[in-house]
Amino acid sequence: MNPVDYSLEDELKNSTTICVKALSDKQYAADLYRALCNMQWRKREVMPLLRNELWSCSWRYAGGIVADICQEGDYMDFYCIGGEGTVNSEIEKDLLELGWEPVEWPDDDL
C-alpha cells in the first residue's frame, strides 16, 4: 500500500453504505474485491491530484479488506476469484460518492 494521506481502506470500512451492501450481497462483496485489485484509486481532492497520490493494494490485501467488511472468513474467500481489475458501475458510483476515482495502471506497469 502506498504511504499517502488518505486511506481507501479506512473509508470503505467506515462507510455504512459499503458495509451494508457487502454484508447483505456476496456478489457486491466480490465486485468490491475485483475493483480493489489491479487498480489504483485517487482521492478526488486537490492535494492528492497535485501530488499524484494513488492508493493501491495487493490482491491478498484486497481480499482481507473485503473479508473484514463482511465480518467473516479471510482473504482466501476472495483471492483469485477472477475479474480482478474490473470496476463495475455500482462499485464505481459508490466509491465516487466516497470521493475516490479509479486510475488504471499504465500498460508498462502491469
N, C-alpha and C. Protein backbone atom coordinates (compact mmCIF):
# COMPACT_ATOMS: atom_id res chain seq x y z
N MET A 1 0.85 -1.17 0.00
CA MET A 1 0.00 0.00 0.00
C MET A 1 0.90 1.23 0.00
N ASN A 2 0.48 2.25 -0.69
CA ASN A 2 1.25 3.48 -0.77
C ASN A 2 1.11 4.32 0.49
N PRO A 3 2.18 4.98 0.91
CA PRO A 3 2.08 5.87 2.07
C PRO A 3 1.48 7.20 1.66
N VAL A 4 0.19 7.34 1.72
CA VAL A 4 -0.50 8.57 1.34
C VAL A 4 -1.32 9.07 2.51
N ASP A 5 -1.79 10.29 2.38
CA ASP A 5 -2.56 10.90 3.45
C ASP A 5 -3.99 10.37 3.55
N TYR A 6 -4.46 9.69 2.54
CA TYR A 6 -5.83 9.19 2.51
C TYR A 6 -5.82 7.68 2.39
N SER A 7 -6.77 7.03 3.05
CA SER A 7 -6.84 5.58 3.02
C SER A 7 -8.20 5.11 2.52
N LEU A 8 -8.21 4.54 1.34
CA LEU A 8 -9.46 3.98 0.82
C LEU A 8 -9.93 2.87 1.74
N GLU A 9 -9.02 2.08 2.27
CA GLU A 9 -9.41 1.00 3.17
C GLU A 9 -10.21 1.55 4.35
N ASP A 10 -9.71 2.58 5.00
CA ASP A 10 -10.41 3.16 6.15
C ASP A 10 -11.78 3.69 5.76
N GLU A 11 -11.85 4.35 4.62
CA GLU A 11 -13.12 4.92 4.19
C GLU A 11 -14.14 3.84 3.84
N LEU A 12 -13.68 2.74 3.25
CA LEU A 12 -14.58 1.63 2.95
C LEU A 12 -15.14 1.03 4.23
N LYS A 13 -14.25 0.78 5.19
CA LYS A 13 -14.66 0.15 6.45
C LYS A 13 -15.55 1.05 7.29
N ASN A 14 -15.47 2.36 7.07
CA ASN A 14 -16.29 3.32 7.82
C ASN A 14 -17.53 3.77 7.07
N SER A 15 -17.74 3.24 5.87
CA SER A 15 -18.91 3.61 5.07
C SER A 15 -20.07 2.66 5.37
N THR A 16 -21.12 3.20 5.92
CA THR A 16 -22.32 2.40 6.20
C THR A 16 -22.86 1.79 4.91
N THR A 17 -22.89 2.56 3.85
CA THR A 17 -23.42 2.07 2.56
C THR A 17 -22.63 0.87 2.06
N ILE A 18 -21.31 0.99 2.02
CA ILE A 18 -20.45 -0.09 1.52
C ILE A 18 -20.60 -1.32 2.42
N CYS A 19 -20.55 -1.12 3.72
CA CYS A 19 -20.61 -2.25 4.66
C CYS A 19 -21.94 -2.99 4.58
N VAL A 20 -23.03 -2.26 4.53
CA VAL A 20 -24.36 -2.89 4.44
C VAL A 20 -24.48 -3.68 3.14
N LYS A 21 -24.04 -3.09 2.04
CA LYS A 21 -24.13 -3.78 0.75
C LYS A 21 -23.27 -5.04 0.74
N ALA A 22 -22.04 -4.94 1.23
CA ALA A 22 -21.14 -6.10 1.22
C ALA A 22 -21.62 -7.20 2.16
N LEU A 23 -22.17 -6.82 3.30
CA LEU A 23 -22.68 -7.80 4.26
C LEU A 23 -23.92 -8.53 3.74
N SER A 24 -24.73 -7.83 2.97
CA SER A 24 -26.00 -8.42 2.53
C SER A 24 -25.96 -9.03 1.14
N ASP A 25 -24.88 -8.77 0.38
CA ASP A 25 -24.84 -9.22 -1.01
C ASP A 25 -23.42 -9.72 -1.33
N LYS A 26 -23.26 -11.03 -1.40
CA LYS A 26 -21.95 -11.63 -1.67
C LYS A 26 -21.39 -11.21 -3.03
N GLN A 27 -22.28 -10.99 -4.00
CA GLN A 27 -21.83 -10.55 -5.32
C GLN A 27 -21.22 -9.15 -5.23
N TYR A 28 -21.86 -8.28 -4.46
CA TYR A 28 -21.33 -6.93 -4.26
C TYR A 28 -19.95 -7.01 -3.61
N ALA A 29 -19.81 -7.86 -2.59
CA ALA A 29 -18.52 -8.03 -1.91
C ALA A 29 -17.46 -8.50 -2.91
N ALA A 30 -17.80 -9.46 -3.76
CA ALA A 30 -16.86 -9.95 -4.76
C ALA A 30 -16.50 -8.85 -5.76
N ASP A 31 -17.49 -8.06 -6.15
CA ASP A 31 -17.23 -6.96 -7.08
C ASP A 31 -16.34 -5.89 -6.45
N LEU A 32 -16.51 -5.66 -5.15
CA LEU A 32 -15.65 -4.71 -4.45
C LEU A 32 -14.21 -5.23 -4.46
N TYR A 33 -14.02 -6.50 -4.17
CA TYR A 33 -12.69 -7.11 -4.23
C TYR A 33 -12.08 -6.91 -5.62
N ARG A 34 -12.83 -7.22 -6.66
CA ARG A 34 -12.33 -7.09 -8.03
C ARG A 34 -11.87 -5.66 -8.32
N ALA A 35 -12.64 -4.69 -7.81
CA ALA A 35 -12.33 -3.28 -8.06
C ALA A 35 -11.08 -2.81 -7.32
N LEU A 36 -10.75 -3.45 -6.21
CA LEU A 36 -9.56 -3.06 -5.46
C LEU A 36 -8.29 -3.66 -6.07
N CYS A 37 -8.43 -4.76 -6.78
CA CYS A 37 -7.28 -5.44 -7.38
C CYS A 37 -6.92 -4.81 -8.73
N ASN A 38 -5.63 -4.80 -9.04
CA ASN A 38 -5.15 -4.31 -10.34
C ASN A 38 -5.69 -2.93 -10.69
N MET A 39 -5.95 -2.12 -9.67
CA MET A 39 -6.47 -0.78 -9.91
C MET A 39 -5.83 0.15 -8.89
N GLN A 40 -5.62 1.37 -9.33
CA GLN A 40 -5.19 2.42 -8.42
C GLN A 40 -6.39 3.32 -8.19
N TRP A 41 -6.44 3.94 -7.03
CA TRP A 41 -7.55 4.83 -6.69
C TRP A 41 -6.97 6.15 -6.22
N ARG A 42 -7.62 7.24 -6.64
CA ARG A 42 -7.17 8.58 -6.25
C ARG A 42 -8.30 9.28 -5.52
N LYS A 43 -7.96 9.90 -4.40
CA LYS A 43 -8.91 10.73 -3.67
C LYS A 43 -9.18 11.96 -4.51
N ARG A 44 -10.45 12.28 -4.70
CA ARG A 44 -10.82 13.41 -5.56
C ARG A 44 -10.78 14.73 -4.78
N GLU A 45 -9.57 15.10 -4.42
CA GLU A 45 -9.31 16.36 -3.74
C GLU A 45 -8.07 16.97 -4.37
N VAL A 46 -7.86 18.25 -4.15
CA VAL A 46 -6.80 18.98 -4.84
C VAL A 46 -5.41 18.41 -4.56
N MET A 47 -5.05 18.24 -3.30
CA MET A 47 -3.68 17.83 -2.98
C MET A 47 -3.33 16.44 -3.51
N PRO A 48 -4.18 15.44 -3.34
CA PRO A 48 -3.83 14.14 -3.94
C PRO A 48 -3.66 14.22 -5.46
N LEU A 49 -4.45 15.06 -6.10
CA LEU A 49 -4.33 15.22 -7.55
C LEU A 49 -2.99 15.88 -7.89
N LEU A 50 -2.68 16.98 -7.19
CA LEU A 50 -1.42 17.69 -7.47
C LEU A 50 -0.20 16.83 -7.17
N ARG A 51 -0.28 16.05 -6.11
CA ARG A 51 0.85 15.19 -5.72
C ARG A 51 0.86 13.85 -6.45
N ASN A 52 -0.17 13.61 -7.24
CA ASN A 52 -0.36 12.33 -7.91
C ASN A 52 -0.30 11.18 -6.91
N GLU A 53 -0.99 11.35 -5.77
CA GLU A 53 -1.06 10.32 -4.75
C GLU A 53 -2.12 9.30 -5.14
N LEU A 54 -1.70 8.06 -5.21
CA LEU A 54 -2.60 6.97 -5.60
C LEU A 54 -2.57 5.91 -4.51
N TRP A 55 -3.74 5.31 -4.28
CA TRP A 55 -3.86 4.22 -3.32
C TRP A 55 -4.03 2.92 -4.10
N SER A 56 -3.30 1.89 -3.69
CA SER A 56 -3.46 0.57 -4.30
C SER A 56 -3.09 -0.48 -3.26
N CYS A 57 -3.44 -1.71 -3.55
CA CYS A 57 -3.10 -2.80 -2.64
C CYS A 57 -2.96 -4.10 -3.42
N SER A 58 -2.39 -5.08 -2.77
CA SER A 58 -2.23 -6.40 -3.38
C SER A 58 -3.57 -7.13 -3.42
N TRP A 59 -3.63 -8.19 -4.19
CA TRP A 59 -4.86 -9.00 -4.26
C TRP A 59 -5.16 -9.60 -2.89
N ARG A 60 -4.13 -10.06 -2.23
CA ARG A 60 -4.30 -10.65 -0.90
C ARG A 60 -4.86 -9.61 0.07
N TYR A 61 -4.28 -8.43 0.06
CA TYR A 61 -4.73 -7.37 0.95
C TYR A 61 -6.17 -6.97 0.62
N ALA A 62 -6.51 -6.89 -0.65
CA ALA A 62 -7.88 -6.56 -1.07
C ALA A 62 -8.86 -7.59 -0.52
N GLY A 63 -8.50 -8.87 -0.63
CA GLY A 63 -9.35 -9.93 -0.09
C GLY A 63 -9.54 -9.79 1.41
N GLY A 64 -8.48 -9.39 2.10
CA GLY A 64 -8.56 -9.19 3.54
C GLY A 64 -9.46 -8.02 3.91
N ILE A 65 -9.38 -6.95 3.15
CA ILE A 65 -10.25 -5.79 3.39
C ILE A 65 -11.71 -6.20 3.27
N VAL A 66 -12.04 -6.89 2.20
CA VAL A 66 -13.43 -7.27 1.96
C VAL A 66 -13.89 -8.30 2.99
N ALA A 67 -13.03 -9.24 3.35
CA ALA A 67 -13.40 -10.21 4.39
C ALA A 67 -13.66 -9.50 5.72
N ASP A 68 -12.86 -8.51 6.03
CA ASP A 68 -13.09 -7.73 7.25
C ASP A 68 -14.44 -7.02 7.20
N ILE A 69 -14.74 -6.42 6.07
CA ILE A 69 -16.03 -5.73 5.93
C ILE A 69 -17.18 -6.72 6.07
N CYS A 70 -17.01 -7.92 5.51
CA CYS A 70 -18.06 -8.95 5.57
C CYS A 70 -18.12 -9.64 6.93
N GLN A 71 -17.13 -9.38 7.77
CA GLN A 71 -17.07 -9.91 9.13
C GLN A 71 -17.05 -11.44 9.19
N GLU A 72 -16.43 -12.04 8.17
CA GLU A 72 -16.27 -13.49 8.19
C GLU A 72 -15.19 -13.90 7.21
N GLY A 73 -14.60 -15.05 7.48
CA GLY A 73 -13.60 -15.60 6.58
C GLY A 73 -12.31 -14.79 6.57
N ASP A 74 -11.55 -14.99 5.49
CA ASP A 74 -10.30 -14.25 5.33
C ASP A 74 -10.08 -13.97 3.85
N TYR A 75 -8.89 -13.48 3.51
CA TYR A 75 -8.61 -13.08 2.14
C TYR A 75 -8.83 -14.21 1.13
N MET A 76 -8.65 -15.46 1.55
CA MET A 76 -8.78 -16.59 0.62
C MET A 76 -10.21 -16.77 0.11
N ASP A 77 -11.18 -16.20 0.79
CA ASP A 77 -12.56 -16.29 0.32
C ASP A 77 -12.77 -15.49 -0.96
N PHE A 78 -11.85 -14.57 -1.26
CA PHE A 78 -11.98 -13.73 -2.45
C PHE A 78 -10.80 -13.87 -3.40
N TYR A 79 -9.65 -14.23 -2.88
CA TYR A 79 -8.40 -14.26 -3.64
C TYR A 79 -8.54 -15.07 -4.93
N CYS A 80 -8.19 -14.43 -6.05
CA CYS A 80 -8.17 -15.08 -7.38
C CYS A 80 -9.54 -15.61 -7.81
N ILE A 81 -10.61 -14.87 -7.52
CA ILE A 81 -11.94 -15.32 -7.95
C ILE A 81 -12.21 -15.01 -9.42
N GLY A 82 -11.33 -14.21 -10.01
CA GLY A 82 -11.48 -13.86 -11.42
C GLY A 82 -12.03 -12.45 -11.59
N GLY A 83 -11.65 -11.83 -12.68
CA GLY A 83 -12.13 -10.49 -12.99
C GLY A 83 -11.42 -9.39 -12.23
N GLU A 84 -10.29 -9.71 -11.60
CA GLU A 84 -9.55 -8.70 -10.86
C GLU A 84 -9.22 -7.51 -11.77
N GLY A 85 -9.42 -6.32 -11.24
CA GLY A 85 -9.19 -5.11 -12.02
C GLY A 85 -10.43 -4.58 -12.70
N THR A 86 -11.55 -5.26 -12.53
CA THR A 86 -12.82 -4.83 -13.12
C THR A 86 -13.57 -3.98 -12.11
N VAL A 87 -14.00 -2.80 -12.56
CA VAL A 87 -14.77 -1.91 -11.70
C VAL A 87 -16.15 -1.76 -12.33
N ASN A 88 -17.16 -2.39 -11.72
CA ASN A 88 -18.49 -2.28 -12.31
C ASN A 88 -19.11 -0.94 -11.94
N SER A 89 -20.21 -0.60 -12.58
CA SER A 89 -20.80 0.74 -12.43
C SER A 89 -21.28 1.02 -11.01
N GLU A 90 -21.82 0.01 -10.32
CA GLU A 90 -22.31 0.24 -8.95
C GLU A 90 -21.15 0.53 -8.00
N ILE A 91 -20.07 -0.24 -8.11
CA ILE A 91 -18.91 -0.01 -7.25
C ILE A 91 -18.30 1.35 -7.57
N GLU A 92 -18.17 1.66 -8.84
CA GLU A 92 -17.59 2.96 -9.22
C GLU A 92 -18.43 4.11 -8.66
N LYS A 93 -19.74 4.00 -8.77
CA LYS A 93 -20.64 5.03 -8.24
C LYS A 93 -20.48 5.16 -6.72
N ASP A 94 -20.46 4.04 -6.02
CA ASP A 94 -20.34 4.07 -4.56
C ASP A 94 -19.00 4.66 -4.12
N LEU A 95 -17.92 4.31 -4.82
CA LEU A 95 -16.62 4.86 -4.45
C LEU A 95 -16.48 6.32 -4.84
N LEU A 96 -17.11 6.71 -5.94
CA LEU A 96 -17.13 8.13 -6.30
C LEU A 96 -17.86 8.94 -5.22
N GLU A 97 -18.92 8.37 -4.66
CA GLU A 97 -19.64 9.05 -3.58
C GLU A 97 -18.77 9.20 -2.34
N LEU A 98 -17.82 8.29 -2.16
CA LEU A 98 -16.85 8.42 -1.06
C LEU A 98 -15.73 9.39 -1.42
N GLY A 99 -15.69 9.80 -2.68
CA GLY A 99 -14.66 10.74 -3.12
C GLY A 99 -13.45 10.10 -3.77
N TRP A 100 -13.59 8.88 -4.29
CA TRP A 100 -12.48 8.17 -4.91
C TRP A 100 -12.79 7.84 -6.37
N GLU A 101 -11.75 7.95 -7.22
CA GLU A 101 -11.90 7.60 -8.63
C GLU A 101 -10.84 6.58 -9.03
N PRO A 102 -11.23 5.66 -9.94
CA PRO A 102 -10.26 4.66 -10.39
C PRO A 102 -9.25 5.27 -11.36
N VAL A 103 -8.02 4.78 -11.27
CA VAL A 103 -6.95 5.20 -12.17
C VAL A 103 -6.25 3.92 -12.62
N GLU A 104 -6.43 3.56 -13.87
CA GLU A 104 -5.82 2.32 -14.36
C GLU A 104 -4.30 2.42 -14.36
N TRP A 105 -3.68 1.27 -14.18
CA TRP A 105 -2.21 1.20 -14.26
C TRP A 105 -1.79 1.40 -15.71
N PRO A 106 -0.69 2.09 -15.93
CA PRO A 106 -0.15 2.16 -17.30
C PRO A 106 0.22 0.74 -17.75
N ASP A 107 0.08 0.46 -19.03
CA ASP A 107 0.36 -0.87 -19.55
C ASP A 107 1.75 -1.38 -19.19
N ASP A 108 2.73 -0.49 -19.12
CA ASP A 108 4.08 -0.94 -18.83
C ASP A 108 4.31 -1.25 -17.35
N ASP A 109 3.34 -0.92 -16.48
CA ASP A 109 3.46 -1.21 -15.05
C ASP A 109 2.78 -2.50 -14.64
N LEU A 110 2.06 -3.16 -15.54
CA LEU A 110 1.32 -4.38 -15.17
C LEU A 110 2.23 -5.58 -15.10
